[in-house]
Amino acid sequence: MASALDDDEILNDDYYSLLNVRREATQEELKAAYRRLCMLYHPDKHRDPELKRQAEQLFNLVHEAYQVLRDPQARAIYDIYGKRGLDVDGWEVVERRRTPAEIREEYERLQKEREERRLQQRTNPKGTISVGIDATDLFDQYEEDYEDVVGGGVPHVEINKMHISQSIEAPLTTKDTAVLSGSLSTHNGNGGGTINLALRRVTSASGWGEVEIGAGDTQGPLLGMKIFRNVTSRFFVTAQCGLQFSSRGVRPGVTTVLARHLDKNTMGYVQWRWGIQSSMNTSIVRDTKSSHFTFAMQLGIPHTFAMMSYQYKFQDEDQTKIKGSVKSGFFGTVLEYGAERKISRHSVLGATVSVGVPQGVSLKIKLNRASQTYFFPIHLTDQLLPSAVFYATVGPLVFYLAIQQLIIRPYVRAQKEQDLEKQQESSASNIARKKQEAESAVLLMQESVRRIIETEESRMGLIILNAWYGKFVTDNSRKHERAKVIDVTVPLQCLVKDSKLILTEATKSGLPGFYDPCVGEEKSLKVLYQFRGVMHQVLSADAEALRIPKQSHRIDADT
């Protein structure tokens, strides 16, 4: 069963790591690990009052871990939700005789009730700001007598249109949601606005319905209705109708969309629209992990066209995508190409070059920031000028690289350092407690380690010479960073049994005698050991399982 333990949970107590057992450990494995730690930490084995007190604290911690993991019901909750899952409101009333599956269902029910109580406070704001820029004077500037005019020698760039829209959702009940939206638009000094209110109700697990009313200063009142229905698991229908009231009378409109899953990654759509700009449209969309393909054809008044687009998704950390499309119809032909990339945790920046006849050349820049979209279409020329295409292509790339190096990367680096500093500050007291527990555990291990070393030396077995855990700096480009490691030679030797050391696939900071010396940073375990009189060395990632000795760890072995 997968674990949902997060960083905060690991900073507290990872019971599996503490007992050094697999997450699939049987009752026998749990019991064996528990007995071994009890022998090490039992308070009655120590006469010194301070050591006895420290042993009692560690013994109680081990006992707590064992009591949770040996109980199938408690373990089921811990495996999914961590230690905090055992303390959720309402958990105490759940029958202890239930199966792990029933316990999980009960816990999820309690969580759902808590989410429903928070539902009234939730909104989902979305917004778009679009600013159209006319930069045709950069490439189509007048030459005759224009320079005699004041300012005539300087290209004139202006904002000729703007659009702003915003919407918020207000959950009324678990099934009903109100959506309020509004928009303002202006083009060459003329504009207007609209406001809309929609009430949406989820009628069943397979459908919902929506009623919309709106008003504007340019188009008049609007009354509409929309219905969505899953007919089968692979086929759904959307139907929408509306009445637009204006000084010219009532203008009705109907739109119907039929969609079907053709295979796991492919959807087919058929759309029919009657009323304003009547048309019939069909499209096929294929979306995979590495690409996105769309082919569409439309017959309609006034627009009839065929369109094909392809997008390639790079499997990198920044989620880089490159795309291209071609669209041809009665209006002309348009070729578009561009790219987008994630520039921060919540922001995606994209740029697209549009080259068409008779539209000319345009550059479209888009920034998505969380649920807000900022769109800047820049019209460069009405003609197909190679210089405009060149600058529209190269300009954004050079600008992005400069911004990336001078602003974005330093900002992201500073943000990560700030987040890391906050995480370390918030966990300082907890880490201090874990450090004290680890130091106490090392003191209590001394006698056991002495006996283990004597036994291993007598059989030429496994001797841990040195072991360090934490952040190692091996990259020359990071020499300015300071290594943050702790000595874990004694705790590792204490885990040796029958000339073997086995560490499970879990963070090592929870092992007896360990703690996290660098919260939030990447950690490793470096071990120098001797087996059969031969030196060995290994470097293991924090959550990586480790089993020694191994022939591949020999220092003098050919690699």
Protein backbone atom coordinates (compact mmCIF):
# COMPACT_ATOMS: atom_id res chain seq x y z
CA MET A 1 0.00 0.00 0.00
CA ALA A 2 1.42 3.37 -1.00
CA SER A 3 2.26 5.88 1.67
CA ALA A 4 1.14 9.49 1.73
CA LEU A 5 3.79 10.61 4.21
CA ASP A 6 5.00 14.13 3.46
CA ASP A 7 8.05 16.09 4.63
CA ASP A 8 6.35 17.22 7.84
CA GLU A 9 5.43 13.64 8.69
CA ILE A 10 9.00 12.46 8.08
CA LEU A 11 10.27 15.22 10.35
CA ASN A 12 8.12 13.80 13.12
CA ASP A 13 8.30 9.99 13.18
CA ASP A 14 8.53 7.55 10.29
CA TYR A 15 7.66 4.33 12.07
CA TYR A 16 8.95 2.06 9.31
CA SER A 17 12.30 3.83 9.21
CA LEU A 18 12.54 3.80 13.01
CA LEU A 19 12.10 0.01 13.09
CA ASN A 20 14.11 -0.38 9.84
CA VAL A 21 11.51 -2.62 8.23
CA ARG A 22 9.85 -2.74 4.81
CA ARG A 23 6.45 -1.14 4.32
CA GLU A 24 5.24 -4.62 3.44
CA ALA A 25 6.77 -6.07 6.62
CA THR A 26 4.99 -9.06 8.13
CA GLN A 27 4.01 -9.36 11.78
CA GLU A 28 7.05 -11.60 12.35
CA GLU A 29 9.41 -9.00 10.86
CA LEU A 30 7.86 -6.26 12.96
CA LYS A 31 8.15 -8.36 16.10
CA ALA A 32 11.82 -9.20 15.42
CA ALA A 33 12.73 -5.54 14.83
CA TYR A 34 10.80 -4.47 17.92
CA ARG A 35 12.49 -7.05 20.16
CA ARG A 36 15.93 -6.03 18.96
CA LEU A 37 15.34 -2.34 19.71
CA CYS A 38 13.76 -3.19 23.06
CA MET A 39 16.91 -5.04 24.07
CA LEU A 40 18.90 -1.97 23.08
CA TYR A 41 16.73 0.69 24.74
CA HIS A 42 15.15 -1.12 27.72
CA PRO A 43 15.46 1.23 30.73
CA ASP A 44 16.28 -1.63 33.12
CA LYS A 45 19.60 -2.23 31.34
CA HIS A 46 20.99 1.16 32.45
CA ARG A 47 21.90 2.24 35.99
CA ASP A 48 22.96 5.80 35.24
CA PRO A 49 19.87 8.02 35.91
CA GLU A 50 20.43 10.16 32.80
CA LEU A 51 20.95 7.17 30.50
CA LYS A 52 17.94 5.49 32.07
CA ARG A 53 15.79 8.54 31.35
CA GLN A 54 16.98 8.73 27.75
CA ALA A 55 16.45 5.01 27.25
CA GLU A 56 12.91 5.30 28.58
CA GLN A 57 12.06 8.03 26.03
CA LEU A 58 13.42 6.02 23.12
CA PHE A 59 11.82 2.81 24.38
CA ASN A 60 8.42 4.53 24.48
CA LEU A 61 8.90 5.84 20.93
CA VAL A 62 9.76 2.37 19.62
CA HIS A 63 6.81 0.91 21.51
CA GLU A 64 4.46 3.50 19.99
CA ALA A 65 5.69 2.65 16.48
CA TYR A 66 5.23 -1.06 17.07
CA GLN A 67 1.73 -0.66 18.53
CA VAL A 68 0.57 1.26 15.45
CA LEU A 69 2.12 -1.07 12.86
CA ARG A 70 1.01 -4.29 14.55
CA ASP A 71 -2.63 -3.12 14.52
CA PRO A 72 -4.03 -3.74 10.97
CA GLN A 73 -6.63 -0.97 11.29
CA ALA A 74 -4.24 1.68 12.63
CA ARG A 75 -1.57 0.62 10.13
CA ALA A 76 -4.02 1.00 7.23
CA ILE A 77 -4.68 4.63 8.21
CA TYR A 78 -0.99 5.34 8.89
CA ASP A 79 0.09 3.93 5.53
CA ILE A 80 -2.26 6.28 3.66
CA TYR A 81 -2.40 9.44 5.76
CA GLY A 82 0.55 9.26 8.15
CA LYS A 83 0.50 9.82 11.89
CA ARG A 84 -1.93 12.74 11.62
CA GLY A 85 -4.51 10.38 10.16
CA LEU A 86 -4.80 8.64 13.55
CA ASP A 87 -5.79 11.96 15.15
CA VAL A 88 -8.53 13.06 12.75
CA ASP A 89 -11.78 14.33 14.27
CA GLY A 90 -14.32 11.55 14.55
CA TRP A 91 -11.80 8.70 14.31
CA GLU A 92 -12.31 7.76 17.92
CA VAL A 93 -15.92 6.64 17.23
CA VAL A 94 -14.94 4.16 14.50
CA GLU A 95 -15.33 0.52 15.48
CA ARG A 96 -11.93 -1.09 15.97
CA ARG A 97 -13.16 -4.42 14.61
CA ARG A 98 -13.58 -3.18 11.09
CA THR A 99 -11.32 -4.32 8.26
CA PRO A 100 -8.59 -2.00 6.89
CA ALA A 101 -10.72 -1.34 3.79
CA GLU A 102 -13.69 -0.34 5.97
CA ILE A 103 -11.44 1.83 8.13
CA ARG A 104 -10.19 3.61 5.03
CA GLU A 105 -13.76 4.23 3.80
CA GLU A 106 -14.73 5.62 7.20
CA TYR A 107 -11.73 7.91 7.28
CA GLU A 108 -12.47 9.19 3.79
CA ARG A 109 -16.07 9.85 4.84
CA LEU A 110 -14.85 11.95 7.76
CA GLN A 111 -12.49 13.83 5.47
CA LYS A 112 -15.30 14.45 2.99
CA GLU A 113 -17.50 15.91 5.70
CA ARG A 114 -14.74 18.29 6.68
CA GLU A 115 -14.29 19.33 3.03
CA GLU A 116 -18.02 19.97 2.71
CA ARG A 117 -17.86 22.29 5.71
CA ARG A 118 -15.18 24.27 3.91
CA LEU A 119 -17.09 24.29 0.63
CA GLN A 120 -18.92 27.53 1.37
CA GLN A 121 -15.63 29.42 1.67
CA ARG A 122 -14.21 28.33 -1.71
CA THR A 123 -14.13 30.26 -4.99
CA ASN A 124 -12.38 29.59 -8.27
CA PRO A 125 -11.37 32.96 -9.74
CA LYS A 126 -10.36 33.06 -13.39
CA GLY A 127 -9.35 36.07 -15.42
CA THR A 128 -8.02 37.16 -18.79
CA ILE A 129 -6.37 40.41 -19.83
CA SER A 130 -5.73 40.92 -23.53
CA VAL A 131 -3.91 43.96 -24.88
CA GLY A 132 -3.72 44.35 -28.68
CA ILE A 133 -0.74 46.31 -29.98
CA ASP A 134 -0.43 47.84 -33.46
CA ALA A 135 3.26 47.90 -34.39
CA THR A 136 2.89 48.03 -38.19
CA ASP A 137 4.69 51.37 -38.27
CA LEU A 138 7.92 49.50 -37.45
CA PHE A 139 7.91 47.83 -40.87
CA ASP A 140 5.37 49.77 -43.01
CA GLN A 141 6.43 53.31 -42.13
CA TYR A 142 5.64 56.12 -44.58
CA GLU A 143 8.69 57.49 -46.37
CA GLU A 144 7.47 60.49 -48.41
CA ASP A 145 7.26 63.83 -46.52
CA TYR A 146 6.42 61.95 -43.30
CA GLU A 147 9.69 62.81 -41.66
CA ASP A 148 8.81 66.52 -41.81
CA VAL A 149 6.01 65.97 -39.30
CA VAL A 150 6.87 66.39 -35.61
CA GLY A 151 7.76 62.92 -34.33
CA GLY A 152 7.44 61.53 -37.84
CA GLY A 153 10.87 59.95 -37.79
CA VAL A 154 10.00 57.73 -34.81
CA PRO A 155 7.91 54.59 -35.46
CA HIS A 156 4.50 54.87 -33.88
CA VAL A 157 3.39 51.90 -31.71
CA GLU A 158 -0.05 52.06 -30.10
CA ILE A 159 -2.56 49.98 -28.18
CA ASN A 160 -5.61 49.66 -30.40
CA LYS A 161 -7.73 47.16 -28.46
CA MET A 162 -8.11 45.72 -25.00
CA HIS A 163 -10.23 43.04 -23.38
CA ILE A 164 -10.61 42.20 -19.68
CA SER A 165 -12.73 39.37 -18.31
CA GLN A 166 -13.10 37.87 -14.85
CA SER A 167 -15.21 35.12 -13.30
CA ILE A 168 -15.67 33.61 -9.85
CA GLU A 169 -17.50 30.53 -8.63
CA ALA A 170 -19.57 30.41 -5.47
CA PRO A 171 -20.54 26.89 -4.32
CA LEU A 172 -24.04 27.02 -2.88
CA THR A 173 -24.35 23.33 -2.00
CA THR A 174 -22.43 20.20 -2.92
CA LYS A 175 -24.46 20.10 -6.17
CA ASP A 176 -25.20 23.75 -6.93
CA THR A 177 -22.71 26.42 -8.03
CA ALA A 178 -23.21 30.04 -9.02
CA VAL A 179 -20.78 31.56 -11.55
CA LEU A 180 -20.52 35.33 -11.89
CA SER A 181 -18.55 36.69 -14.84
CA GLY A 182 -18.01 40.00 -16.55
CA SER A 183 -15.98 41.51 -19.36
CA LEU A 184 -14.95 44.87 -20.79
CA SER A 185 -13.72 45.39 -24.35
CA THR A 186 -12.53 48.34 -26.39
CA HIS A 187 -11.31 48.62 -30.00
CA ASN A 188 -10.08 51.84 -31.58
CA GLY A 189 -11.84 53.93 -28.97
CA ASN A 190 -15.19 52.10 -29.07
CA GLY A 191 -16.15 49.49 -26.50
CA GLY A 192 -18.60 48.04 -24.08
CA GLY A 193 -19.10 45.47 -21.39
CA THR A 194 -21.21 42.52 -20.33
CA ILE A 195 -22.10 40.79 -17.08
CA ASN A 196 -23.38 37.22 -16.75
CA LEU A 197 -24.74 35.04 -13.97
CA ALA A 198 -24.93 31.26 -14.39
CA LEU A 199 -26.47 28.70 -12.01
CA ARG A 200 -25.12 25.18 -12.46
CA ARG A 201 -26.55 22.03 -10.90
CA VAL A 202 -25.05 18.55 -10.96
CA THR A 203 -28.06 16.39 -11.62
CA SER A 204 -26.30 13.03 -11.41
CA ALA A 205 -22.92 11.37 -11.70
CA SER A 206 -23.28 11.54 -15.49
CA GLY A 207 -24.64 15.02 -16.13
CA TRP A 208 -25.26 18.63 -15.17
CA GLY A 209 -27.35 21.56 -16.32
CA GLU A 210 -26.81 25.32 -16.37
CA VAL A 211 -29.02 28.39 -16.75
CA GLU A 212 -27.44 31.71 -17.72
CA ILE A 213 -28.66 35.29 -17.80
CA GLY A 214 -26.66 38.28 -18.97
CA ALA A 215 -26.78 41.89 -20.01
CA GLY A 216 -24.53 44.24 -21.94
CA ASP A 217 -24.49 47.76 -23.34
CA THR A 218 -23.82 46.63 -26.91
CA GLN A 219 -25.77 43.40 -27.43
CA GLY A 220 -28.62 43.62 -24.95
CA PRO A 221 -30.00 40.98 -22.54
CA LEU A 222 -29.11 37.29 -22.93
CA LEU A 223 -30.96 34.19 -21.74
CA GLY A 224 -29.38 30.77 -22.21
CA MET A 225 -29.34 27.15 -21.08
CA LYS A 226 -26.67 24.44 -21.30
CA ILE A 227 -26.88 20.70 -20.66
CA PHE A 228 -24.10 18.10 -20.41
CA ARG A 229 -24.75 14.36 -20.38
CA ASN A 230 -22.56 11.26 -20.41
CA VAL A 231 -24.56 8.86 -22.57
CA THR A 232 -22.04 6.04 -22.12
CA SER A 233 -18.57 5.80 -20.65
CA ARG A 234 -17.13 6.69 -24.08
CA PHE A 235 -19.75 9.08 -25.46
CA PHE A 236 -21.12 12.42 -24.21
CA VAL A 237 -23.37 15.21 -25.50
CA THR A 238 -23.43 18.94 -24.84
CA ALA A 239 -26.41 21.06 -25.91
CA GLN A 240 -26.70 24.82 -25.58
CA CYS A 241 -29.41 27.28 -26.59
CA GLY A 242 -29.79 30.99 -26.11
CA LEU A 243 -31.85 34.09 -26.90
CA GLN A 244 -30.03 37.35 -27.62
CA PHE A 245 -32.26 40.44 -27.30
CA SER A 246 -31.29 43.57 -29.19
CA SER A 247 -32.81 46.57 -30.99
CA ARG A 248 -33.01 44.38 -34.10
CA GLY A 249 -35.20 41.86 -32.30
CA VAL A 250 -34.64 38.43 -30.79
CA ARG A 251 -31.79 36.37 -32.23
CA PRO A 252 -31.95 32.68 -31.22
CA GLY A 253 -28.98 30.32 -31.28
CA VAL A 254 -28.48 26.58 -30.76
CA THR A 255 -25.22 24.64 -30.44
CA THR A 256 -24.88 20.87 -30.10
CA VAL A 257 -21.64 18.94 -29.58
CA LEU A 258 -21.33 15.15 -29.85
CA ALA A 259 -18.06 13.65 -28.58
CA ARG A 260 -16.74 10.10 -28.46
CA HIS A 261 -13.56 8.42 -27.23
CA LEU A 262 -12.11 6.71 -30.29
CA ASP A 263 -9.34 5.14 -28.24
CA LYS A 264 -7.44 5.78 -25.01
CA ASN A 265 -5.85 9.01 -26.30
CA THR A 266 -8.14 10.11 -29.14
CA MET A 267 -11.40 12.06 -29.13
CA GLY A 268 -13.75 12.73 -32.01
CA TYR A 269 -16.11 15.75 -32.04
CA VAL A 270 -19.04 16.83 -34.20
CA GLN A 271 -20.49 20.30 -33.64
CA TRP A 272 -23.56 21.89 -35.17
CA ARG A 273 -24.36 25.56 -34.68
CA TRP A 274 -27.53 27.32 -35.84
CA GLY A 275 -28.32 31.00 -35.56
CA ILE A 276 -25.51 33.53 -35.33
CA GLN A 277 -22.68 32.31 -37.61
CA SER A 278 -24.27 28.93 -38.42
CA SER A 279 -21.75 26.16 -39.10
CA MET A 280 -21.01 22.42 -39.01
CA ASN A 281 -17.65 21.40 -37.55
CA THR A 282 -15.90 18.06 -37.08
CA SER A 283 -12.54 17.46 -35.41
CA ILE A 284 -10.23 14.73 -34.14
CA VAL A 285 -7.97 15.38 -31.15
CA ARG A 286 -5.20 13.01 -30.09
CA ASP A 287 -3.42 13.80 -26.84
CA THR A 288 -0.55 11.66 -25.53
CA LYS A 289 2.22 12.15 -23.01
CA SER A 290 4.59 13.42 -25.69
CA SER A 291 2.36 15.07 -28.29
CA HIS A 292 -0.97 16.73 -29.07
CA PHE A 293 -2.54 16.57 -32.57
CA THR A 294 -5.72 18.25 -33.87
CA PHE A 295 -7.43 18.08 -37.25
CA ALA A 296 -10.63 20.06 -37.87
CA MET A 297 -12.92 20.98 -40.77
CA GLN A 298 -15.75 23.49 -40.74
CA LEU A 299 -18.49 24.43 -43.21
CA GLY A 300 -20.27 27.61 -42.28
CA ILE A 301 -21.28 31.18 -42.82
CA PRO A 302 -19.08 33.20 -43.00
CA HIS A 303 -16.15 30.91 -42.10
CA THR A 304 -15.30 27.67 -43.89
CA PHE A 305 -11.86 26.23 -43.25
CA ALA A 306 -9.61 23.22 -42.63
CA MET A 307 -7.07 23.25 -39.81
CA MET A 308 -4.29 20.97 -38.60
CA SER A 309 -2.01 21.50 -35.59
CA TYR A 310 0.71 19.52 -33.85
CA GLN A 311 2.39 20.05 -30.51
CA TYR A 312 5.44 18.19 -29.18
CA LYS A 313 5.92 17.93 -25.41
CA PHE A 314 9.46 17.64 -24.10
CA GLN A 315 9.75 15.46 -21.01
CA ASP A 316 11.79 18.01 -19.06
CA GLU A 317 11.34 19.78 -15.76
CA ASP A 318 10.17 23.02 -17.43
CA GLN A 319 7.45 21.23 -19.47
CA THR A 320 8.69 22.77 -22.73
CA LYS A 321 6.35 22.50 -25.74
CA ILE A 322 6.80 23.45 -29.40
CA LYS A 323 3.84 23.72 -31.73
CA GLY A 324 2.85 24.46 -35.29
CA SER A 325 -0.43 24.78 -37.17
CA VAL A 326 -1.82 25.63 -40.58
CA LYS A 327 -5.33 26.91 -41.25
CA SER A 328 -6.81 27.58 -44.68
CA GLY A 329 -10.26 28.73 -45.71
CA PHE A 330 -12.30 31.40 -47.48
CA PHE A 331 -10.59 34.04 -45.33
CA GLY A 332 -7.09 33.04 -46.55
CA THR A 333 -4.29 30.91 -45.14
CA VAL A 334 -2.52 31.24 -41.79
CA LEU A 335 0.64 29.45 -40.64
CA GLU A 336 1.51 29.55 -36.93
CA TYR A 337 4.47 28.23 -34.96
CA GLY A 338 5.66 28.82 -31.43
CA ALA A 339 6.72 27.45 -28.07
CA GLU A 340 5.82 27.63 -24.41
CA ARG A 341 7.70 26.86 -21.23
CA LYS A 342 7.15 26.82 -17.50
CA ILE A 343 9.15 29.66 -15.94
CA SER A 344 8.13 29.20 -12.31
CA ARG A 345 5.97 26.97 -10.16
CA HIS A 346 2.71 28.63 -11.27
CA SER A 347 3.67 30.48 -14.47
CA VAL A 348 3.87 29.40 -18.13
CA LEU A 349 5.20 31.74 -20.83
CA GLY A 350 4.48 31.20 -24.52
CA ALA A 351 5.08 32.95 -27.84
CA THR A 352 3.49 32.26 -31.23
CA VAL A 353 4.32 33.74 -34.65
CA SER A 354 1.38 34.02 -37.07
CA VAL A 355 2.07 34.44 -40.80
CA GLY A 356 -0.94 34.68 -43.12
CA VAL A 357 -2.49 35.98 -46.30
CA PRO A 358 -4.01 38.53 -46.18
CA GLN A 359 -3.57 38.92 -42.40
CA GLY A 360 0.17 39.65 -42.50
CA VAL A 361 2.59 38.92 -39.64
CA SER A 362 1.73 38.94 -35.93
CA LEU A 363 3.46 37.95 -32.70
CA LYS A 364 1.31 36.62 -29.86
CA ILE A 365 2.74 36.50 -26.34
CA LYS A 366 0.83 34.71 -23.58
CA LEU A 367 1.54 34.38 -19.87
CA ASN A 368 -0.48 32.02 -17.70
CA ARG A 369 -0.11 32.77 -14.01
CA ALA A 370 -2.14 30.33 -11.91
CA SER A 371 -5.75 30.94 -13.08
CA GLN A 372 -4.98 34.31 -14.72
CA THR A 373 -4.09 34.72 -18.41
CA TYR A 374 -2.28 37.72 -19.91
CA PHE A 375 -2.38 37.88 -23.72
CA PHE A 376 -0.51 40.36 -25.93
CA PRO A 377 -1.18 40.06 -29.71
CA ILE A 378 1.24 42.34 -31.57
CA HIS A 379 0.40 43.08 -35.21
CA LEU A 380 3.68 43.74 -37.03
CA THR A 381 2.74 44.13 -40.69
CA ASP A 382 -0.09 43.63 -43.17
CA GLN A 383 2.34 42.23 -45.72
CA LEU A 384 4.53 39.12 -45.79
CA LEU A 385 7.86 40.81 -45.06
CA PRO A 386 10.85 38.50 -44.32
CA SER A 387 12.25 41.05 -41.88
CA ALA A 388 9.04 40.98 -39.82
CA VAL A 389 9.03 37.18 -39.74
CA PHE A 390 12.70 37.14 -38.71
CA TYR A 391 12.32 39.63 -35.86
CA ALA A 392 9.07 38.02 -34.67
CA THR A 393 10.91 34.68 -34.44
CA VAL A 394 14.32 35.70 -33.10
CA GLY A 395 13.27 38.66 -30.93
CA PRO A 396 11.20 36.74 -28.34
CA LEU A 397 13.86 34.02 -28.13
CA VAL A 398 16.68 36.48 -27.40
CA PHE A 399 14.47 38.40 -24.98
CA TYR A 400 13.47 35.21 -23.14
CA LEU A 401 17.08 34.01 -22.79
CA ALA A 402 18.11 37.39 -21.39
CA ILE A 403 15.20 37.51 -18.94
CA GLN A 404 15.83 33.87 -17.97
CA GLN A 405 19.47 34.54 -17.07
CA LEU A 406 19.07 38.00 -15.51
CA ILE A 407 15.71 37.77 -13.72
CA ILE A 408 13.91 34.42 -13.69
CA ARG A 409 16.71 32.10 -12.58
CA PRO A 410 18.00 34.44 -9.83
CA TYR A 411 14.42 34.93 -8.63
CA VAL A 412 13.62 31.19 -8.59
CA ARG A 413 16.92 30.46 -6.84
CA ALA A 414 16.23 33.12 -4.21
CA GLN A 415 12.67 31.83 -3.78
CA LYS A 416 13.92 28.27 -3.21
CA GLU A 417 16.47 29.49 -0.68
CA GLN A 418 13.78 31.52 1.09
CA ASP A 419 11.39 28.54 1.19
CA LEU A 420 14.19 26.31 2.46
CA GLU A 421 15.07 28.82 5.16
CA LYS A 422 11.44 29.02 6.27
CA GLN A 423 11.17 25.22 6.34
CA GLN A 424 14.34 24.96 8.41
CA GLU A 425 13.13 27.64 10.83
CA SER A 426 9.73 26.02 11.28
CA SER A 427 11.30 22.61 11.93
CA ALA A 428 14.18 23.83 14.10
CA SER A 429 12.62 22.77 17.41
CA ASN A 430 11.61 19.39 16.05
CA ILE A 431 15.07 18.78 14.59
CA ALA A 432 16.62 19.75 17.92
CA ARG A 433 14.45 17.09 19.59
CA LYS A 434 15.41 14.49 16.98
CA LYS A 435 19.10 15.38 17.38
CA GLN A 436 18.87 14.92 21.13
CA GLU A 437 17.13 11.57 20.66
CA ALA A 438 19.83 10.49 18.18
CA GLU A 439 22.65 11.47 20.54
CA SER A 440 20.95 9.61 23.37
CA ALA A 441 20.51 6.56 21.15
CA VAL A 442 24.23 6.59 20.23
CA LEU A 443 25.17 6.64 23.91
CA LEU A 444 22.87 3.70 24.60
CA MET A 445 24.33 1.78 21.65
CA GLN A 446 27.95 1.88 22.80
CA GLU A 447 27.97 -1.39 24.73
CA SER A 448 26.02 -3.26 22.05
CA VAL A 449 28.32 -1.91 19.33
CA ARG A 450 31.40 -3.05 21.25
CA ARG A 451 30.05 -6.61 21.42
CA ILE A 452 29.02 -6.57 17.72
CA ILE A 453 32.51 -5.41 16.66
CA GLU A 454 34.17 -8.13 18.74
CA THR A 455 31.95 -10.76 17.14
CA GLU A 456 32.53 -9.47 13.61
CA GLU A 457 36.30 -9.19 14.10
CA SER A 458 36.47 -12.80 15.29
CA ARG A 459 34.89 -14.00 12.03
CA MET A 460 36.53 -11.42 9.70
CA GLY A 461 33.05 -10.04 9.17
CA LEU A 462 31.53 -6.60 8.57
CA ILE A 463 33.13 -3.63 10.34
CA ILE A 464 31.82 -0.10 9.73
CA LEU A 465 34.94 2.09 9.75
CA ASN A 466 33.28 5.42 8.99
CA ALA A 467 29.79 6.48 7.97
CA TRP A 468 28.41 9.94 7.22
CA TYR A 469 24.86 11.05 6.47
CA GLY A 470 23.70 14.37 5.00
CA LYS A 471 24.57 16.73 2.16
CA PHE A 472 27.83 16.11 0.32
CA VAL A 473 29.33 18.71 -2.03
CA THR A 474 31.17 16.92 -4.87
CA ASP A 475 30.41 19.24 -7.80
CA ASN A 476 33.18 21.80 -8.46
CA SER A 477 30.55 24.40 -9.40
CA ARG A 478 29.14 24.17 -5.86
CA LYS A 479 32.38 24.56 -3.92
CA HIS A 480 30.97 27.62 -2.20
CA GLU A 481 28.33 25.44 -0.52
CA ARG A 482 29.11 23.85 2.82
CA ALA A 483 28.74 20.13 3.39
CA LYS A 484 26.24 19.27 6.14
CA VAL A 485 26.85 15.74 7.42
CA ILE A 486 26.69 13.83 10.69
CA ASP A 487 28.71 10.83 11.84
CA VAL A 488 26.52 7.71 11.89
CA THR A 489 29.24 5.06 12.28
CA VAL A 490 27.91 3.77 15.61
CA PRO A 491 24.21 3.56 14.58
CA LEU A 492 25.08 1.65 11.39
CA GLN A 493 27.37 -0.79 13.20
CA CYS A 494 24.57 -1.41 15.68
CA LEU A 495 22.33 -2.53 12.78
CA VAL A 496 24.86 -5.14 11.59
CA LYS A 497 23.67 -8.71 12.11
CA ASP A 498 25.44 -11.88 10.92
CA SER A 499 27.92 -9.79 8.88
CA LYS A 500 25.11 -8.07 6.97
CA LEU A 501 23.60 -4.61 6.98
CA ILE A 502 20.20 -4.16 5.35
CA LEU A 503 18.47 -0.77 5.13
CA THR A 504 14.96 -0.59 3.71
CA GLU A 505 13.66 1.79 1.04
CA ALA A 506 12.84 4.75 3.29
CA THR A 507 14.42 7.99 4.43
CA LYS A 508 17.39 7.20 6.65
CA SER A 509 16.79 10.18 8.92
CA GLY A 510 14.31 8.06 10.88
CA LEU A 511 16.78 5.27 11.69
CA PRO A 512 17.87 4.87 15.33
CA GLY A 513 20.75 7.26 16.01
CA PHE A 514 20.04 9.35 12.86
CA TYR A 515 18.45 12.77 12.37
CA ASP A 516 18.10 15.22 9.46
CA PRO A 517 21.12 17.58 9.38
CA CYS A 518 19.86 19.58 6.38
CA VAL A 519 16.06 19.81 6.19
CA GLY A 520 14.70 20.18 2.66
CA GLU A 521 18.01 19.43 0.93
CA GLU A 522 19.17 16.34 -0.93
CA LYS A 523 20.90 13.84 1.34
CA SER A 524 23.06 10.73 0.94
CA LEU A 525 24.70 8.06 3.08
CA LYS A 526 28.43 7.39 2.60
CA VAL A 527 29.86 4.26 4.19
CA LEU A 528 33.45 3.05 4.41
CA TYR A 529 33.56 -0.51 5.68
CA GLN A 530 35.77 -3.57 5.91
CA PHE A 531 34.72 -7.08 5.03
CA ARG A 532 36.98 -10.13 4.95
CA GLY A 533 39.87 -7.72 5.55
CA VAL A 534 39.14 -5.78 2.32
CA MET A 535 38.15 -2.11 2.20
CA HIS A 536 34.78 -1.21 0.66
CA GLN A 537 32.98 2.08 0.06
CA VAL A 538 29.45 3.00 -1.08
CA LEU A 539 27.39 6.16 -1.54
CA SER A 540 23.62 5.65 -1.27
CA ALA A 541 20.74 8.07 -1.87
CA ASP A 542 18.58 8.95 1.11
CA ALA A 543 15.51 6.87 0.28
CA GLU A 544 17.40 4.14 -1.57
CA ALA A 545 17.49 0.61 -0.16
CA LEU A 546 21.01 -0.52 0.81
CA ARG A 547 22.44 -3.98 1.33
CA ILE A 548 26.09 -4.58 2.28
CA PRO A 549 28.56 -6.13 1.83
CA LYS A 550 28.69 -6.24 -1.96
CA GLN A 551 31.51 -7.12 -4.34
CA SER A 552 30.84 -3.95 -6.34
CA HIS A 553 31.71 -1.82 -3.29
CA ARG A 554 35.35 -3.00 -3.20
CA ILE A 555 37.67 -0.02 -3.42
CA ASP A 556 40.29 -1.95 -5.42
CA ALA A 557 37.70 -3.50 -7.74
CA ASP A 558 37.79 -2.66 -11.46
CA THR A 559 34.84 -0.44 -12.41
